[in-house]
Amino acid sequence: MKARCSGKKKIFKDQSEAEKVISKMKESLGKNNKKRKSLSSYFCSVCKGWHVTSMKKETYTKIQRDEKFETISEYWKSKKGWD
């Protein structure tokens, strides 16, 4: 497993590890922070690890259904112009 996926995302070995980080992040954000509600973990088919995202589940699902992008990282690379 790589240390980073797409050079930007931290990789967690399993969902439990990612969810522990989310819990700590939510604590530090406070109850009224909007990002707090949308933090979630997802499995990455590229690195075979887990990542944490603040992307809304609806957006993530929409990207996954879009056949021109094989991975979420490809979507962001095209959207942001990343190499």
C-alpha atoms as a PDB file:
ATOM      1  CA  MET A   1       0.000   0.000   0.000  1.00  0.00           C
ATOM      2  CA  LYS A   2       1.299   3.468  -0.881  1.00  0.00           C
ATOM      3  CA  ALA A   3       1.831   6.079   1.828  1.00  0.00           C
ATOM      4  CA  ARG A   4      -0.283   8.592  -0.114  1.00  0.00           C
ATOM      5  CA  CYS A   5      -2.886   8.337  -2.868  1.00  0.00           C
ATOM      6  CA  SER A   6      -2.680  10.987  -5.591  1.00  0.00           C
ATOM      7  CA  GLY A   7      -0.070  12.729  -3.476  1.00  0.00           C
ATOM      8  CA  LYS A   8      -2.684  14.423  -1.286  1.00  0.00           C
ATOM      9  CA  LYS A   9      -4.753  11.903   0.668  1.00  0.00           C
ATOM     10  CA  LYS A  10      -3.656  10.088   3.796  1.00  0.00           C
ATOM     11  CA  ILE A  11      -4.284   6.344   3.624  1.00  0.00           C
ATOM     12  CA  PHE A  12      -5.745   4.392   6.526  1.00  0.00           C
ATOM     13  CA  LYS A  13      -5.359   0.620   6.705  1.00  0.00           C
ATOM     14  CA  ASP A  14      -9.031   0.013   7.482  1.00  0.00           C
ATOM     15  CA  GLN A  15     -12.354   1.779   7.964  1.00  0.00           C
ATOM     16  CA  SER A  16     -12.077   1.633  11.747  1.00  0.00           C
ATOM     17  CA  GLU A  17      -8.830   3.632  11.683  1.00  0.00           C
ATOM     18  CA  ALA A  18     -10.388   6.243   9.379  1.00  0.00           C
ATOM     19  CA  GLU A  19     -13.509   6.507  11.564  1.00  0.00           C
ATOM     20  CA  LYS A  20     -11.367   7.116  14.673  1.00  0.00           C
ATOM     21  CA  VAL A  21      -9.747  10.068  12.909  1.00  0.00           C
ATOM     22  CA  ILE A  22     -13.175  11.372  11.880  1.00  0.00           C
ATOM     23  CA  SER A  23     -14.341  11.252  15.504  1.00  0.00           C
ATOM     24  CA  LYS A  24     -11.313  13.270  16.616  1.00  0.00           C
ATOM     25  CA  MET A  25     -11.808  15.759  13.766  1.00  0.00           C
ATOM     26  CA  LYS A  26     -15.481  16.233  14.649  1.00  0.00           C
ATOM     27  CA  GLU A  27     -14.564  16.890  18.284  1.00  0.00           C
ATOM     28  CA  SER A  28     -12.063  19.549  17.297  1.00  0.00           C
ATOM     29  CA  LEU A  29     -14.444  21.218  14.794  1.00  0.00           C
ATOM     30  CA  GLY A  30     -17.173  21.851  17.346  1.00  0.00           C
ATOM     31  CA  LYS A  31     -20.904  21.298  17.168  1.00  0.00           C
ATOM     32  CA  ASN A  32     -21.817  24.169  14.825  1.00  0.00           C
ATOM     33  CA  ASN A  33     -19.252  23.578  12.077  1.00  0.00           C
ATOM     34  CA  LYS A  34     -20.869  22.572   8.736  1.00  0.00           C
ATOM     35  CA  LYS A  35     -17.963  20.328   7.697  1.00  0.00           C
ATOM     36  CA  ARG A  36     -18.515  18.267  10.819  1.00  0.00           C
ATOM     37  CA  LYS A  37     -21.726  16.795   9.376  1.00  0.00           C
ATOM     38  CA  SER A  38     -20.226  15.727   6.063  1.00  0.00           C
ATOM     39  CA  LEU A  39     -17.061  13.965   7.249  1.00  0.00           C
ATOM     40  CA  SER A  40     -17.009  10.340   6.137  1.00  0.00           C
ATOM     41  CA  SER A  41     -14.648   7.548   5.121  1.00  0.00           C
ATOM     42  CA  TYR A  42     -14.475   5.680   1.841  1.00  0.00           C
ATOM     43  CA  PHE A  43     -12.553   2.792   0.317  1.00  0.00           C
ATOM     44  CA  CYS A  44     -10.151   3.700  -2.510  1.00  0.00           C
ATOM     45  CA  SER A  45      -9.819   1.177  -5.315  1.00  0.00           C
ATOM     46  CA  VAL A  46      -6.520   2.762  -6.420  1.00  0.00           C
ATOM     47  CA  CYS A  47      -4.485   2.299  -3.238  1.00  0.00           C
ATOM     48  CA  LYS A  48      -6.742  -0.322  -1.585  1.00  0.00           C
ATOM     49  CA  GLY A  49      -6.878   1.789   1.562  1.00  0.00           C
ATOM     50  CA  TRP A  50      -9.369   4.091   3.267  1.00  0.00           C
ATOM     51  CA  HIS A  51      -9.551   7.891   3.066  1.00  0.00           C
ATOM     52  CA  VAL A  52     -11.422  10.622   4.942  1.00  0.00           C
ATOM     53  CA  THR A  53     -13.411  13.220   3.018  1.00  0.00           C
ATOM     54  CA  SER A  54     -15.645  16.188   3.684  1.00  0.00           C
ATOM     55  CA  MET A  55     -17.360  15.660   0.342  1.00  0.00           C
ATOM     56  CA  LYS A  56     -21.100  15.138   0.657  1.00  0.00           C
ATOM     57  CA  LYS A  57     -22.225  11.544   0.059  1.00  0.00           C
ATOM     58  CA  GLU A  58     -24.490  12.661  -2.823  1.00  0.00           C
ATOM     59  CA  THR A  59     -21.542  14.257  -4.645  1.00  0.00           C
ATOM     60  CA  TYR A  60     -19.358  11.222  -4.057  1.00  0.00           C
ATOM     61  CA  THR A  61     -22.074   8.871  -5.390  1.00  0.00           C
ATOM     62  CA  LYS A  62     -22.599  11.077  -8.453  1.00  0.00           C
ATOM     63  CA  ILE A  63     -18.879  10.986  -9.277  1.00  0.00           C
ATOM     64  CA  GLN A  64     -18.777   7.215  -8.841  1.00  0.00           C
ATOM     65  CA  ARG A  65     -21.643   6.832 -11.351  1.00  0.00           C
ATOM     66  CA  ASP A  66     -19.912   9.054 -13.913  1.00  0.00           C
ATOM     67  CA  GLU A  67     -18.292   6.528 -16.237  1.00  0.00           C
ATOM     68  CA  LYS A  68     -15.612   8.889 -17.545  1.00  0.00           C
ATOM     69  CA  PHE A  69     -13.910   8.883 -14.145  1.00  0.00           C
ATOM     70  CA  GLU A  70     -12.559   5.576 -12.903  1.00  0.00           C
ATOM     71  CA  THR A  71     -11.650   7.004  -9.507  1.00  0.00           C
ATOM     72  CA  ILE A  72     -12.477   9.994  -7.324  1.00  0.00           C
ATOM     73  CA  SER A  73      -8.894  11.200  -7.710  1.00  0.00           C
ATOM     74  CA  GLU A  74      -9.363  11.340 -11.501  1.00  0.00           C
ATOM     75  CA  TYR A  75     -12.439  13.518 -10.985  1.00  0.00           C
ATOM     76  CA  TRP A  76     -10.539  15.980  -8.795  1.00  0.00           C
ATOM     77  CA  LYS A  77      -7.545  15.990 -11.119  1.00  0.00           C
ATOM     78  CA  SER A  78      -9.814  17.012 -14.012  1.00  0.00           C
ATOM     79  CA  LYS A  79     -11.786  19.538 -11.948  1.00  0.00           C
ATOM     80  CA  LYS A  80      -8.751  21.230 -10.359  1.00  0.00           C
ATOM     81  CA  GLY A  81      -6.308  20.743 -13.240  1.00  0.00           C
ATOM     82  CA  TRP A  82      -3.991  18.624 -11.093  1.00  0.00           C
ATOM     83  CA  ASP A  83      -1.373  16.429 -12.738  1.00  0.00           C
END
